[in-house]
PDB file of N, CA and C in Angstrom:
ATOM      1  N   MET A   1       0.870  -1.182   0.003  1.00  0.00           N
ATOM      2  CA  MET A   1      -0.036  -0.145   0.045  1.00  0.00           C
ATOM      3  C   MET A   1       0.873   1.242   0.025  1.00  0.00           C
ATOM      4  N   LYS A   2       0.554   2.192  -0.972  1.00  0.00           N
ATOM      5  CA  LYS A   2       1.448   3.375  -1.022  1.00  0.00           C
ATOM      6  C   LYS A   2       0.912   4.409   0.191  1.00  0.00           C
ATOM      7  N   GLN A   3       1.897   5.289   0.468  1.00  0.00           N
ATOM      8  CA  GLN A   3       1.559   6.273   1.500  1.00  0.00           C
ATOM      9  C   GLN A   3       0.559   7.291   1.056  1.00  0.00           C
ATOM     10  N   ARG A   4      -0.198   7.835   1.903  1.00  0.00           N
ATOM     11  CA  ARG A   4      -1.081   9.049   1.511  1.00  0.00           C
ATOM     12  C   ARG A   4      -0.139  10.217   1.264  1.00  0.00           C
ATOM     13  N   PRO A   5      -0.761  11.032   0.393  1.00  0.00           N
ATOM     14  CA  PRO A   5       0.110  12.198   0.065  1.00  0.00           C
ATOM     15  C   PRO A   5       0.480  12.958   1.313  1.00  0.00           C
ATOM     16  N   ARG A   6       1.689  13.505   1.468  1.00  0.00           N
ATOM     17  CA  ARG A   6       1.983  14.417   2.513  1.00  0.00           C
ATOM     18  C   ARG A   6       1.789  15.831   2.182  1.00  0.00           C
ATOM     19  N   ALA A   7       1.763  16.666   3.148  1.00  0.00           N
ATOM     20  CA  ALA A   7       1.277  18.060   3.148  1.00  0.00           C
ATOM     21  C   ALA A   7       2.106  18.798   2.134  1.00  0.00           C
ATOM     22  N   GLU A   8       3.324  18.776   2.239  1.00  0.00           N
ATOM     23  CA  GLU A   8       4.208  19.498   1.241  1.00  0.00           C
ATOM     24  C   GLU A   8       4.561  18.778  -0.001  1.00  0.00           C
ATOM     25  N   GLU A   9       4.216  17.614  -0.203  1.00  0.00           N
ATOM     26  CA  GLU A   9       4.552  16.871  -1.521  1.00  0.00           C
ATOM     27  C   GLU A   9       3.672  17.417  -2.763  1.00  0.00           C
ATOM     28  N   ARG A  10       4.534  17.358  -3.709  1.00  0.00           N
ATOM     29  CA  ARG A  10       3.947  17.819  -5.091  1.00  0.00           C
ATOM     30  C   ARG A  10       3.762  16.762  -6.029  1.00  0.00           C
ATOM     31  N   PHE A  11       3.065  16.892  -7.015  1.00  0.00           N
ATOM     32  CA  PHE A  11       2.509  15.898  -8.016  1.00  0.00           C
ATOM     33  C   PHE A  11       2.539  16.421  -9.365  1.00  0.00           C
ATOM     34  N   ALA A  12       2.591  15.567 -10.304  1.00  0.00           N
ATOM     35  CA  ALA A  12       2.546  16.034 -11.757  1.00  0.00           C
ATOM     36  C   ALA A  12       1.647  14.905 -12.444  1.00  0.00           C
ATOM     37  N   VAL A  13       0.987  15.450 -13.461  1.00  0.00           N
ATOM     38  CA  VAL A  13       0.177  14.375 -14.246  1.00  0.00           C
ATOM     39  C   VAL A  13       1.033  13.410 -15.056  1.00  0.00           C
ATOM     40  N   SER A  14       0.715  12.244 -14.957  1.00  0.00           N
ATOM     41  CA  SER A  14       1.451  11.124 -15.652  1.00  0.00           C
ATOM     42  C   SER A  14       1.373  11.431 -17.253  1.00  0.00           C
ATOM     43  N   ALA A  15       2.501  10.918 -17.753  1.00  0.00           N
ATOM     44  CA  ALA A  15       2.637  11.314 -19.180  1.00  0.00           C
ATOM     45  C   ALA A  15       1.505  10.691 -20.151  1.00  0.00           C
ATOM     46  N   ASP A  16       1.037   9.558 -19.871  1.00  0.00           N
ATOM     47  CA  ASP A  16       0.150   8.953 -20.796  1.00  0.00           C
ATOM     48  C   ASP A  16      -1.372   9.125 -20.558  1.00  0.00           C
ATOM     49  N   ILE A  17      -1.744  10.156 -19.789  1.00  0.00           N
ATOM     50  CA  ILE A  17      -3.005  10.447 -19.334  1.00  0.00           C
ATOM     51  C   ILE A  17      -3.666  11.601 -20.309  1.00  0.00           C
ATOM     52  N   ALA A  18      -4.837  11.216 -20.767  1.00  0.00           N
ATOM     53  CA  ALA A  18      -5.488  12.005 -21.630  1.00  0.00           C
ATOM     54  C   ALA A  18      -6.539  12.713 -20.800  1.00  0.00           C
ATOM     55  N   HIS A  19      -6.428  14.265 -20.839  1.00  0.00           N
ATOM     56  CA  HIS A  19      -7.398  14.971 -20.210  1.00  0.00           C
ATOM     57  C   HIS A  19      -7.878  16.239 -20.968  1.00  0.00           C
ATOM     58  N   ARG A  20      -9.118  16.611 -20.782  1.00  0.00           N
ATOM     59  CA  ARG A  20      -9.511  17.828 -21.539  1.00  0.00           C
ATOM     60  C   ARG A  20     -10.529  18.697 -20.703  1.00  0.00           C
ATOM     61  N   GLU A  21     -10.549  19.851 -20.793  1.00  0.00           N
ATOM     62  CA  GLU A  21     -11.634  20.681 -20.245  1.00  0.00           C
ATOM     63  C   GLU A  21     -12.548  21.135 -21.344  1.00  0.00           C
ATOM     64  N   ILE A  22     -13.747  20.709 -21.314  1.00  0.00           N
ATOM     65  CA  ILE A  22     -14.773  21.183 -22.209  1.00  0.00           C
ATOM     66  C   ILE A  22     -15.999  21.718 -21.539  1.00  0.00           C
ATOM     67  N   ASN A  23     -16.340  22.952 -21.916  1.00  0.00           N
ATOM     68  CA  ASN A  23     -17.375  23.667 -21.152  1.00  0.00           C
ATOM     69  C   ASN A  23     -17.328  23.619 -19.479  1.00  0.00           C
ATOM     70  N   ASP A  24     -16.122  23.933 -19.156  1.00  0.00           N
ATOM     71  CA  ASP A  24     -15.595  23.987 -17.715  1.00  0.00           C
ATOM     72  C   ASP A  24     -15.774  22.656 -17.096  1.00  0.00           C
ATOM     73  N   ARG A  25     -15.821  21.567 -17.797  1.00  0.00           N
ATOM     74  CA  ARG A  25     -15.724  20.179 -17.207  1.00  0.00           C
ATOM     75  C   ARG A  25     -14.546  19.594 -17.409  1.00  0.00           C
ATOM     76  N   LEU A  26     -13.948  18.932 -16.526  1.00  0.00           N
ATOM     77  CA  LEU A  26     -12.687  18.248 -16.731  1.00  0.00           C
ATOM     78  C   LEU A  26     -13.057  16.683 -16.998  1.00  0.00           C
ATOM     79  N   LEU A  27     -12.561  16.256 -18.092  1.00  0.00           N
ATOM     80  CA  LEU A  27     -12.742  14.892 -18.487  1.00  0.00           C
ATOM     81  C   LEU A  27     -11.370  14.169 -18.540  1.00  0.00           C
ATOM     82  N   LEU A  28     -11.335  12.908 -18.028  1.00  0.00           N
ATOM     83  CA  LEU A  28     -10.094  12.299 -17.797  1.00  0.00           C
ATOM     84  C   LEU A  28     -10.242  10.745 -18.372  1.00  0.00           C
ATOM     85  N   LEU A  29      -9.298  10.396 -19.128  1.00  0.00           N
ATOM     86  CA  LEU A  29      -9.340   9.059 -19.699  1.00  0.00           C
ATOM     87  C   LEU A  29      -7.888   8.253 -19.272  1.00  0.00           C
ATOM     88  N   LEU A  30      -8.125   7.178 -18.627  1.00  0.00           N
ATOM     89  CA  LEU A  30      -6.861   6.575 -18.064  1.00  0.00           C
ATOM     90  C   LEU A  30      -6.577   5.460 -19.083  1.00  0.00           C
ATOM     91  N   PRO A  31      -5.309   5.196 -19.367  1.00  0.00           N
ATOM     92  CA  PRO A  31      -4.904   4.122 -20.111  1.00  0.00           C
ATOM     93  C   PRO A  31      -5.397   2.660 -19.856  1.00  0.00           C
ATOM     94  N   GLY A  32      -5.796   1.920 -20.624  1.00  0.00           N
ATOM     95  CA  GLY A  32      -6.434   0.572 -20.227  1.00  0.00           C
ATOM     96  C   GLY A  32      -7.646   0.604 -19.550  1.00  0.00           C
ATOM     97  N   ASP A  33      -8.430   1.816 -19.517  1.00  0.00           N
ATOM     98  CA  ASP A  33      -9.622   1.907 -18.823  1.00  0.00           C
ATOM     99  C   ASP A  33     -10.616   2.437 -19.746  1.00  0.00           C
ATOM    100  N   SER A  34     -11.767   1.768 -20.105  1.00  0.00           N
ATOM    101  CA  SER A  34     -12.758   2.207 -21.073  1.00  0.00           C
ATOM    102  C   SER A  34     -13.759   3.259 -20.494  1.00  0.00           C
ATOM    103  N   ARG A  35     -13.508   3.684 -19.209  1.00  0.00           N
ATOM    104  CA  ARG A  35     -14.387   4.609 -18.657  1.00  0.00           C
ATOM    105  C   ARG A  35     -13.824   6.112 -18.848  1.00  0.00           C
ATOM    106  N   LEU A  36     -14.752   7.047 -18.972  1.00  0.00           N
ATOM    107  CA  LEU A  36     -14.358   8.460 -18.996  1.00  0.00           C
ATOM    108  C   LEU A  36     -14.810   9.009 -17.796  1.00  0.00           C
ATOM    109  N   TYR A  37     -13.862   9.632 -16.984  1.00  0.00           N
ATOM    110  CA  TYR A  37     -14.136  10.328 -15.911  1.00  0.00           C
ATOM    111  C   TYR A  37     -14.407  11.713 -15.881  1.00  0.00           C
ATOM    112  N   ALA A  38     -15.556  12.306 -15.309  1.00  0.00           N
ATOM    113  CA  ALA A  38     -15.785  13.686 -15.338  1.00  0.00           C
ATOM    114  C   ALA A  38     -15.708  14.168 -13.836  1.00  0.00           C
ATOM    115  N   PHE A  39     -14.977  15.226 -13.758  1.00  0.00           N
ATOM    116  CA  PHE A  39     -14.742  15.782 -12.342  1.00  0.00           C
ATOM    117  C   PHE A  39     -15.647  16.837 -12.120  1.00  0.00           C
ATOM    118  N   ASN A  40     -16.100  16.985 -10.760  1.00  0.00           N
ATOM    119  CA  ASN A  40     -16.912  18.176 -10.399  1.00  0.00           C
ATOM    120  C   ASN A  40     -16.045  19.441 -10.280  1.00  0.00           C
ATOM    121  N   ASP A  41     -16.537  20.482  -9.770  1.00  0.00           N
ATOM    122  CA  ASP A  41     -15.809  21.773  -9.858  1.00  0.00           C
ATOM    123  C   ASP A  41     -14.580  21.608  -8.820  1.00  0.00           C
ATOM    124  N   ALA A  42     -14.663  21.043  -7.794  1.00  0.00           N
ATOM    125  CA  ALA A  42     -13.616  20.776  -6.763  1.00  0.00           C
ATOM    126  C   ALA A  42     -12.564  19.811  -7.348  1.00  0.00           C
ATOM    127  N   GLY A  43     -12.914  18.807  -7.943  1.00  0.00           N
ATOM    128  CA  GLY A  43     -11.869  18.009  -8.662  1.00  0.00           C
ATOM    129  C   GLY A  43     -11.266  18.664  -9.696  1.00  0.00           C
ATOM    130  N   ARG A  44     -11.871  19.335 -10.558  1.00  0.00           N
ATOM    131  CA  ARG A  44     -11.282  20.180 -11.475  1.00  0.00           C
ATOM    132  C   ARG A  44     -10.161  21.226 -10.975  1.00  0.00           C
ATOM    133  N   LEU A  45     -10.522  21.808  -9.822  1.00  0.00           N
ATOM    134  CA  LEU A  45      -9.726  22.804  -9.181  1.00  0.00           C
ATOM    135  C   LEU A  45      -8.429  22.045  -8.715  1.00  0.00           C
ATOM    136  N   VAL A  46      -8.634  20.824  -8.237  1.00  0.00           N
ATOM    137  CA  VAL A  46      -7.349  19.955  -7.731  1.00  0.00           C
ATOM    138  C   VAL A  46      -6.649  19.584  -8.936  1.00  0.00           C
ATOM    139  N   TRP A  47      -7.142  19.183 -10.090  1.00  0.00           N
ATOM    140  CA  TRP A  47      -6.386  18.747 -11.193  1.00  0.00           C
ATOM    141  C   TRP A  47      -5.669  20.092 -11.691  1.00  0.00           C
ATOM    142  N   GLN A  48      -6.216  21.084 -11.767  1.00  0.00           N
ATOM    143  CA  GLN A  48      -5.491  22.440 -12.365  1.00  0.00           C
ATOM    144  C   GLN A  48      -4.322  22.631 -11.345  1.00  0.00           C
ATOM    145  N   ALA A  49      -4.577  22.399 -10.236  1.00  0.00           N
ATOM    146  CA  ALA A  49      -3.289  22.760  -9.107  1.00  0.00           C
ATOM    147  C   ALA A  49      -2.238  21.759  -9.333  1.00  0.00           C
ATOM    148  N   VAL A  50      -2.567  20.532  -9.565  1.00  0.00           N
ATOM    149  CA  VAL A  50      -1.577  19.477  -9.945  1.00  0.00           C
ATOM    150  C   VAL A  50      -0.887  19.814 -11.234  1.00  0.00           C
ATOM    151  N   LEU A  51      -1.474  20.308 -12.317  1.00  0.00           N
ATOM    152  CA  LEU A  51      -0.863  20.805 -13.435  1.00  0.00           C
ATOM    153  C   LEU A  51       0.087  21.813 -13.040  1.00  0.00           C
ATOM    154  N   ARG A  52      -0.127  22.583 -12.094  1.00  0.00           N
ATOM    155  CA  ARG A  52       0.810  23.746 -11.722  1.00  0.00           C
ATOM    156  C   ARG A  52       1.772  23.317 -10.659  1.00  0.00           C
ATOM    157  N   LYS A  53       1.669  21.996 -10.363  1.00  0.00           N
ATOM    158  CA  LYS A  53       2.666  21.497  -9.328  1.00  0.00           C
ATOM    159  C   LYS A  53       2.624  22.101  -7.871  1.00  0.00           C
ATOM    160  N   ARG A  54       1.418  22.235  -7.623  1.00  0.00           N
ATOM    161  CA  ARG A  54       1.132  22.924  -6.207  1.00  0.00           C
ATOM    162  C   ARG A  54       1.165  21.678  -5.276  1.00  0.00           C
ATOM    163  N   SER A  55       1.614  22.090  -4.002  1.00  0.00           N
ATOM    164  CA  SER A  55       1.618  21.010  -2.811  1.00  0.00           C
ATOM    165  C   SER A  55       0.270  20.759  -2.430  1.00  0.00           C
ATOM    166  N   ALA A  56       0.069  19.544  -1.720  1.00  0.00           N
ATOM    167  CA  ALA A  56      -1.276  19.182  -1.141  1.00  0.00           C
ATOM    168  C   ALA A  56      -1.709  20.275  -0.281  1.00  0.00           C
ATOM    169  N   THR A  57      -0.917  20.849   0.595  1.00  0.00           N
ATOM    170  CA  THR A  57      -1.341  22.047   1.384  1.00  0.00           C
ATOM    171  C   THR A  57      -1.869  23.173   0.755  1.00  0.00           C
ATOM    172  N   GLN A  58      -1.004  23.581  -0.492  1.00  0.00           N
ATOM    173  CA  GLN A  58      -1.617  24.721  -1.214  1.00  0.00           C
ATOM    174  C   GLN A  58      -2.838  24.266  -1.969  1.00  0.00           C
ATOM    175  N   ILE A  59      -2.944  23.189  -2.292  1.00  0.00           N
ATOM    176  CA  ILE A  59      -4.285  22.759  -3.053  1.00  0.00           C
ATOM    177  C   ILE A  59      -5.339  22.899  -2.110  1.00  0.00           C
ATOM    178  N   ALA A  60      -5.260  22.368  -0.829  1.00  0.00           N
ATOM    179  CA  ALA A  60      -6.288  22.301   0.066  1.00  0.00           C
ATOM    180  C   ALA A  60      -6.687  23.624   0.671  1.00  0.00           C
ATOM    181  N   ALA A  61      -5.701  24.591   0.663  1.00  0.00           N
ATOM    182  CA  ALA A  61      -6.119  26.017   1.164  1.00  0.00           C
ATOM    183  C   ALA A  61      -6.908  26.728  -0.040  1.00  0.00           C
ATOM    184  N   THR A  62      -6.582  26.415  -1.270  1.00  0.00           N
ATOM    185  CA  THR A  62      -7.357  26.921  -2.397  1.00  0.00           C
ATOM    186  C   THR A  62      -8.776  26.414  -2.390  1.00  0.00           C
ATOM    187  N   VAL A  63      -8.906  25.030  -2.216  1.00  0.00           N
ATOM    188  CA  VAL A  63     -10.132  24.433  -2.142  1.00  0.00           C
ATOM    189  C   VAL A  63     -10.963  25.128  -1.171  1.00  0.00           C
ATOM    190  N   ALA A  64     -10.412  25.230   0.076  1.00  0.00           N
ATOM    191  CA  ALA A  64     -11.239  25.629   1.254  1.00  0.00           C
ATOM    192  C   ALA A  64     -11.566  27.083   1.039  1.00  0.00           C
ATOM    193  N   LYS A  65     -10.732  27.961   0.469  1.00  0.00           N
ATOM    194  CA  LYS A  65     -10.995  29.367   0.188  1.00  0.00           C
ATOM    195  C   LYS A  65     -12.245  29.472  -0.886  1.00  0.00           C
ATOM    196  N   THR A  66     -11.976  28.727  -1.905  1.00  0.00           N
ATOM    197  CA  THR A  66     -12.839  28.817  -3.134  1.00  0.00           C
ATOM    198  C   THR A  66     -14.315  28.410  -2.758  1.00  0.00           C
ATOM    199  N   PHE A  67     -14.370  27.178  -2.014  1.00  0.00           N
ATOM    200  CA  PHE A  67     -15.757  26.691  -1.575  1.00  0.00           C
ATOM    201  C   PHE A  67     -16.270  27.035  -0.256  1.00  0.00           C
ATOM    202  N   GLY A  68     -15.478  27.699   0.592  1.00  0.00           N
ATOM    203  CA  GLY A  68     -15.904  28.223   1.809  1.00  0.00           C
ATOM    204  C   GLY A  68     -16.155  27.037   2.824  1.00  0.00           C
ATOM    205  N   ILE A  69     -15.218  26.212   2.867  1.00  0.00           N
ATOM    206  CA  ILE A  69     -15.281  24.999   3.787  1.00  0.00           C
ATOM    207  C   ILE A  69     -14.104  24.999   4.716  1.00  0.00           C
ATOM    208  N   PRO A  70     -14.088  24.463   5.807  1.00  0.00           N
ATOM    209  CA  PRO A  70     -13.042  24.338   6.827  1.00  0.00           C
ATOM    210  C   PRO A  70     -11.860  23.809   6.095  1.00  0.00           C
ATOM    211  N   LEU A  71     -10.757  24.305   6.571  1.00  0.00           N
ATOM    212  CA  LEU A  71      -9.455  23.872   5.939  1.00  0.00           C
ATOM    213  C   LEU A  71      -9.143  22.408   6.263  1.00  0.00           C
ATOM    214  N   ALA A  72      -9.617  21.991   7.471  1.00  0.00           N
ATOM    215  CA  ALA A  72      -9.373  20.475   7.773  1.00  0.00           C
ATOM    216  C   ALA A  72     -10.011  19.639   6.850  1.00  0.00           C
ATOM    217  N   ARG A  73     -11.320  19.973   6.546  1.00  0.00           N
ATOM    218  CA  ARG A  73     -12.088  19.075   5.620  1.00  0.00           C
ATOM    219  C   ARG A  73     -11.507  19.151   4.261  1.00  0.00           C
ATOM    220  N   ALA A  74     -11.012  20.348   3.771  1.00  0.00           N
ATOM    221  CA  ALA A  74     -10.430  20.546   2.384  1.00  0.00           C
ATOM    222  C   ALA A  74      -9.137  19.628   2.354  1.00  0.00           C
ATOM    223  N   GLU A  75      -8.415  19.584   3.408  1.00  0.00           N
ATOM    224  CA  GLU A  75      -7.039  18.751   3.410  1.00  0.00           C
ATOM    225  C   GLU A  75      -7.488  17.293   3.393  1.00  0.00           C
ATOM    226  N   ARG A  76      -8.489  16.850   4.120  1.00  0.00           N
ATOM    227  CA  ARG A  76      -8.798  15.449   4.041  1.00  0.00           C
ATOM    228  C   ARG A  76      -9.271  15.136   2.644  1.00  0.00           C
ATOM    229  N   ASP A  77     -10.213  15.927   2.145  1.00  0.00           N
ATOM    230  CA  ASP A  77     -10.671  15.612   0.764  1.00  0.00           C
ATOM    231  C   ASP A  77      -9.697  15.597  -0.422  1.00  0.00           C
ATOM    232  N   VAL A  78      -8.757  16.523  -0.177  1.00  0.00           N
ATOM    233  CA  VAL A  78      -7.826  16.728  -1.310  1.00  0.00           C
ATOM    234  C   VAL A  78      -6.857  15.585  -1.124  1.00  0.00           C
ATOM    235  N   ARG A  79      -6.379  15.275   0.060  1.00  0.00           N
ATOM    236  CA  ARG A  79      -5.640  13.977   0.040  1.00  0.00           C
ATOM    237  C   ARG A  79      -6.228  12.760  -0.349  1.00  0.00           C
ATOM    238  N   GLU A  80      -7.519  12.546  -0.064  1.00  0.00           N
ATOM    239  CA  GLU A  80      -8.174  11.375  -0.605  1.00  0.00           C
ATOM    240  C   GLU A  80      -8.245  11.366  -2.066  1.00  0.00           C
ATOM    241  N   LEU A  81      -8.442  12.479  -2.609  1.00  0.00           N
ATOM    242  CA  LEU A  81      -8.506  12.498  -4.186  1.00  0.00           C
ATOM    243  C   LEU A  81      -6.991  12.232  -4.794  1.00  0.00           C
ATOM    244  N   LEU A  82      -5.981  12.873  -4.242  1.00  0.00           N
ATOM    245  CA  LEU A  82      -4.665  12.626  -4.681  1.00  0.00           C
ATOM    246  C   LEU A  82      -4.365  11.239  -4.616  1.00  0.00           C
ATOM    247  N   ALA A  83      -4.687  10.568  -3.253  1.00  0.00           N
ATOM    248  CA  ALA A  83      -4.329   9.234  -3.221  1.00  0.00           C
ATOM    249  C   ALA A  83      -4.973   8.217  -4.224  1.00  0.00           C
ATOM    250  N   ASP A  84      -6.251   8.597  -4.455  1.00  0.00           N
ATOM    251  CA  ASP A  84      -6.927   7.920  -5.606  1.00  0.00           C
ATOM    252  C   ASP A  84      -6.378   7.966  -6.995  1.00  0.00           C
ATOM    253  N   LEU A  85      -5.961   9.327  -7.174  1.00  0.00           N
ATOM    254  CA  LEU A  85      -5.352   9.509  -8.477  1.00  0.00           C
ATOM    255  C   LEU A  85      -4.002   8.786  -8.643  1.00  0.00           C
ATOM    256  N   LEU A  86      -3.257   8.749  -7.409  1.00  0.00           N
ATOM    257  CA  LEU A  86      -1.989   8.242  -7.473  1.00  0.00           C
ATOM    258  C   LEU A  86      -2.287   6.657  -7.718  1.00  0.00           C
ATOM    259  N   ARG A  87      -3.204   6.157  -7.079  1.00  0.00           N
ATOM    260  CA  ARG A  87      -3.389   4.619  -7.023  1.00  0.00           C
ATOM    261  C   ARG A  87      -3.778   4.328  -8.516  1.00  0.00           C
ATOM    262  N   ARG A  88      -4.537   5.165  -9.033  1.00  0.00           N
ATOM    263  CA  ARG A  88      -4.995   4.822 -10.559  1.00  0.00           C
ATOM    264  C   ARG A  88      -3.943   5.187 -11.640  1.00  0.00           C
ATOM    265  N   GLY A  89      -2.775   5.711 -11.156  1.00  0.00           N
ATOM    266  CA  GLY A  89      -1.709   6.145 -12.199  1.00  0.00           C
ATOM    267  C   GLY A  89      -1.890   7.474 -12.801  1.00  0.00           C
ATOM    268  N   ALA A  90      -2.901   8.295 -12.494  1.00  0.00           N
ATOM    269  CA  ALA A  90      -3.278   9.362 -13.218  1.00  0.00           C
ATOM    270  C   ALA A  90      -2.213  10.525 -12.855  1.00  0.00           C
ATOM    271  N   ILE A  91      -1.669  10.513 -11.790  1.00  0.00           N
ATOM    272  CA  ILE A  91      -0.478  11.393 -11.303  1.00  0.00           C
ATOM    273  C   ILE A  91       0.561  10.593 -10.754  1.00  0.00           C
ATOM    274  N   ARG A  92       1.576  11.432 -10.458  1.00  0.00           N
ATOM    275  CA  ARG A  92       2.774  10.844  -9.907  1.00  0.00           C
ATOM    276  C   ARG A  92       3.549  11.867  -8.960  1.00  0.00           C
ATOM    277  N   ARG A  93       4.286  11.237  -8.075  1.00  0.00           N
ATOM    278  CA  ARG A  93       5.034  12.196  -7.166  1.00  0.00           C
ATOM    279  C   ARG A  93       6.223  12.744  -7.746  1.00  0.00           C
ATOM    280  N   ILE A  94       6.509  14.062  -7.365  1.00  0.00           N
ATOM    281  CA  ILE A  94       7.711  14.702  -8.058  1.00  0.00           C
ATOM    282  C   ILE A  94       8.515  15.071  -6.981  1.00  0.00           C
TER     283      ILE A  94
END
């Protein structure tokens, strides 16, 4: 089992991941997977932050501010999403 993302850890999108934003919706296609994943606004914000190589802490702060939620909740949710994206091979640690 891989470790959950640490606070200051940074990530990048894996090279073989197809992603597009269409009408403010993020769509993601993983290699070897026939499903197309559509992200909600919060997921899209996290993805955009990964593209900018932001840390988990920076991403959570942005999510908390943007959606008006407690920082602790944003940190938990962001780390869960990052862990899932890592597990699926959509992102990698840098």
